[in-house]
Protein backbone atom coordinates (compact mmCIF):
# COMPACT_ATOMS: atom_id res chain seq x y z
CA UNK A 1 90.79 133.01 69.58
CA UNK A 2 92.50 131.02 72.34
CA UNK A 3 93.24 132.24 75.83
CA UNK A 4 94.57 130.83 79.09
CA UNK A 5 92.36 130.65 82.14
CA UNK A 6 93.91 129.95 85.53
CA UNK A 7 92.19 128.98 88.78
CA UNK A 8 93.11 127.61 92.18
CA UNK A 9 90.83 125.37 94.28
CA UNK A 10 90.41 125.52 98.07
CA UNK A 11 93.34 123.15 98.64
CA UNK A 12 95.61 125.25 96.48
CA UNK A 13 95.75 122.98 93.43
CA UNK A 14 96.44 125.02 90.31
CA UNK A 15 94.32 124.51 87.19
CA UNK A 16 95.42 125.75 83.74
CA UNK A 17 92.74 125.79 81.02
CA UNK A 18 93.45 126.47 77.36
CA UNK A 19 90.11 127.76 76.09
CA UNK A 20 88.96 128.35 72.51
CA UNK A 21 86.31 131.05 72.18
CA UNK A 22 84.03 130.76 69.17
CA UNK A 23 80.89 132.60 68.11
CA UNK A 24 77.86 130.58 67.11
CA UNK A 25 74.54 132.18 66.20
CA UNK A 26 75.77 135.45 67.63
CA UNK A 27 76.60 134.08 71.10
CA UNK A 28 80.18 133.47 72.27
CA UNK A 29 80.89 129.86 73.28
CA UNK A 30 83.92 128.57 75.13
CA UNK A 31 85.44 125.14 74.56
CA UNK A 32 88.25 123.73 76.72
CA UNK A 33 91.01 122.39 74.51
CA UNK A 34 93.46 121.48 77.27
CA UNK A 35 93.39 121.24 81.05
CA UNK A 36 96.43 120.89 83.32
CA UNK A 37 96.25 120.40 87.12
CA UNK A 38 99.19 120.50 89.52
CA UNK A 39 99.73 120.68 93.30
CA UNK A 40 100.66 124.06 94.73
CA UNK A 41 104.26 125.25 94.68
CA UNK A 42 105.71 122.35 92.68
CA UNK A 43 109.29 123.03 91.57
CA UNK A 44 109.84 119.65 89.89
CA UNK A 45 107.95 118.17 86.98
CA UNK A 46 106.83 119.43 83.64
CA UNK A 47 105.44 122.83 82.71
CA UNK A 48 101.77 123.13 81.74
CA UNK A 49 102.65 123.83 78.09
CA UNK A 50 105.88 122.08 77.19
CA UNK A 51 106.88 121.57 73.54
CA UNK A 52 105.29 118.11 73.23
CA UNK A 53 101.93 119.43 74.45
CA UNK A 54 102.14 122.42 72.11
CA UNK A 55 102.77 120.16 69.10
CA UNK A 56 99.99 117.77 70.08
CA UNK A 57 97.47 120.63 70.49
CA UNK A 58 98.42 122.10 67.10
CA UNK A 59 98.04 118.67 65.49
CA UNK A 60 94.61 118.01 67.08
CA UNK A 61 93.29 121.50 66.22
CA UNK A 62 94.66 122.36 62.75
CA UNK A 63 92.28 125.28 62.11
CA UNK A 64 93.16 127.08 65.35
CA UNK A 65 96.06 129.52 65.65
CA UNK A 66 98.01 129.45 68.94
CA UNK A 67 100.03 132.45 70.09
CA UNK A 68 102.28 130.52 72.48
CA UNK A 69 104.47 133.43 73.72
CA UNK A 70 101.34 135.38 74.73
CA UNK A 71 99.73 132.33 76.34
CA UNK A 72 102.87 131.47 78.31
CA UNK A 73 103.27 135.10 79.52
CA UNK A 74 99.78 135.17 81.05
CA UNK A 75 100.19 136.43 84.63
CA UNK A 76 99.41 133.87 87.35
CA UNK A 77 98.31 135.29 90.70
CA UNK A 78 100.26 134.23 93.80
CA UNK A 79 98.55 131.77 96.17
CA UNK A 80 96.54 133.18 99.03
CA UNK A 81 98.22 132.70 102.43
CA UNK A 82 95.15 130.82 103.74
CA UNK A 83 95.26 128.23 100.96
CA UNK A 84 98.71 126.93 101.87
CA UNK A 85 97.62 125.91 105.39
CA UNK A 86 94.93 123.38 104.43
CA UNK A 87 97.16 120.45 105.41
CA UNK A 88 97.61 121.88 108.90
CA UNK A 89 93.84 122.39 109.29
CA UNK A 90 93.23 118.84 108.10
CA UNK A 91 95.77 117.44 110.60
CA UNK A 92 94.14 119.35 113.47
CA UNK A 93 90.68 118.11 112.44
CA UNK A 94 91.96 114.53 112.32
CA UNK A 95 93.51 114.84 115.82
CA UNK A 96 90.24 116.24 117.20
CA UNK A 97 88.27 113.31 115.74
CA UNK A 98 90.73 110.80 117.22
CA UNK A 99 90.46 112.47 120.64
CA UNK A 100 86.65 112.28 120.49
CA UNK A 101 86.80 108.60 119.53
CA UNK A 102 89.17 107.78 122.37
CA UNK A 103 86.92 109.60 124.87
CA UNK A 104 83.91 107.67 123.57
CA UNK A 105 85.74 104.32 123.81
CA UNK A 106 86.89 105.13 127.37
CA UNK A 107 83.31 105.97 128.35
CA UNK A 108 82.06 102.74 126.79
CA UNK A 109 84.74 100.74 128.62
CA UNK A 110 83.74 102.38 131.91
CA UNK A 111 80.09 101.48 131.27
CA UNK A 112 80.93 97.84 130.52
CA UNK A 113 83.17 97.69 133.60
CA UNK A 114 80.32 99.04 135.75
CA UNK A 115 77.89 96.58 134.18
CA UNK A 116 80.23 93.62 134.81
CA UNK A 117 80.67 94.69 138.46
CA UNK A 118 76.89 94.87 138.91
CA UNK A 119 76.50 91.49 137.21
CA UNK A 120 79.12 89.93 139.51
CA UNK A 121 77.32 91.37 142.54
CA UNK A 122 74.00 89.96 141.33
CA UNK A 123 75.51 86.49 140.77
CA UNK A 124 77.12 86.55 144.21
CA UNK A 125 73.82 87.61 145.79
CA UNK A 126 71.97 84.76 144.03
CA UNK A 127 74.49 82.21 145.28
CA UNK A 128 74.30 83.52 148.82
CA UNK A 129 77.95 84.53 148.96
CA UNK A 130 78.89 87.61 150.95
CA UNK A 131 78.76 90.74 148.81
CA UNK A 132 81.83 92.97 148.74
CA UNK A 133 81.55 96.69 148.36
CA UNK A 134 82.06 98.10 144.83
CA UNK A 135 85.15 100.01 145.95
CA UNK A 136 86.83 96.80 147.15
CA UNK A 137 85.78 95.01 143.99
CA UNK A 138 87.31 97.76 141.84
CA UNK A 139 90.58 97.58 143.84
CA UNK A 140 90.63 93.79 143.45
CA UNK A 141 90.01 94.12 139.71
CA UNK A 142 92.93 96.51 139.34
CA UNK A 143 95.21 94.18 141.33
CA UNK A 144 94.09 91.11 139.41
CA UNK A 145 94.58 92.83 136.09
CA UNK A 146 98.11 93.91 136.95
CA UNK A 147 99.22 90.55 138.40
CA UNK A 148 97.57 88.13 135.98
CA UNK A 149 96.56 88.21 132.37
CA UNK A 150 93.44 90.14 131.45
CA UNK A 151 90.18 88.29 131.82
CA UNK A 152 87.99 88.12 128.77
CA UNK A 153 84.35 88.92 129.06
CA UNK A 154 81.95 86.57 127.34
CA UNK A 155 79.32 87.91 125.01
CA UNK A 156 75.76 87.71 126.29
CA UNK A 157 74.34 85.58 129.04
CA UNK A 158 75.68 85.06 132.51
CA UNK A 159 79.40 84.56 133.03
CA UNK A 160 80.46 80.98 133.66
CA UNK A 161 81.19 79.99 137.22
CA UNK A 162 84.55 78.55 138.09
CA UNK A 163 85.01 75.34 140.12
CA UNK A 164 85.78 77.34 143.29
CA UNK A 165 82.49 79.20 142.96
CA UNK A 166 80.42 75.97 142.71
CA UNK A 167 77.60 75.85 145.28
CA UNK A 168 78.31 73.84 148.41
CA UNK A 169 76.33 70.57 148.68
CA UNK A 170 75.38 69.01 151.98
CA UNK A 171 77.18 65.67 152.68
CA UNK A 172 73.89 63.71 152.74
CA UNK A 173 72.88 65.12 149.38
CA UNK A 174 76.35 64.46 147.93
CA UNK A 175 76.13 60.83 149.06
CA UNK A 176 72.66 60.54 147.59
CA UNK A 177 73.86 61.96 144.27
CA UNK A 178 76.87 59.67 144.07
CA UNK A 179 74.91 56.59 145.14
CA UNK A 180 77.16 55.68 148.14
CA UNK A 181 74.18 54.41 150.18
CA UNK A 182 72.95 52.14 147.38
CA UNK A 183 74.19 48.53 147.40
CA UNK A 184 76.81 47.71 144.81
CA UNK A 185 75.62 45.64 141.88
CA UNK A 186 77.71 42.64 140.90
CA UNK A 187 79.57 43.09 137.65
CA UNK A 188 78.81 40.43 135.06
CA UNK A 189 82.41 40.30 133.75
CA UNK A 190 84.06 39.80 137.17
CA UNK A 191 83.82 36.24 138.67
CA UNK A 192 82.34 36.08 142.14
CA UNK A 193 84.74 35.11 144.96
CA UNK A 194 84.02 31.84 146.74
CA UNK A 195 82.73 32.09 150.28
CA UNK A 196 85.43 30.87 152.72
CA UNK A 197 82.98 29.32 155.16
């Protein structure tokens, strides 16, 4: 004996099962002969048991008798009103997750901004430069960001110093480093000038 079993999952997808019930050793056993799944409320497409499917099932199961008019007239319950709104619930959940992620990224950006300000203050203190207040630094950062392109932060380590932030060297030390006090050595490739005297 064959019968039609119908079910609907939590998203509203409709499942049609053509089940063959047999008795073995006194216990009834069910075997699914055909299963058809479709989205909810579909008006286009094929029916669960069109003529091609009916012929194929009869050919695959020659010893089984199918009462197609009775199977096709099996009542199908209407969808629950809650089931149809799963897409809306999913969209709301997705928006909530995106809002949480954006809040987390904003908090992380604020932490890195605070860390870079503290790092800049520490570098300035090490170099002996006057230290600006954090409020002025934040205002300067906003102005710099709006007027020029965004500055990229390097990964790890101290930020590189620019040429304008190089430490000042005393003139005596600069001369000593460049070798201005040392006598010039004659170059082997250049001929010496004759002495006019």
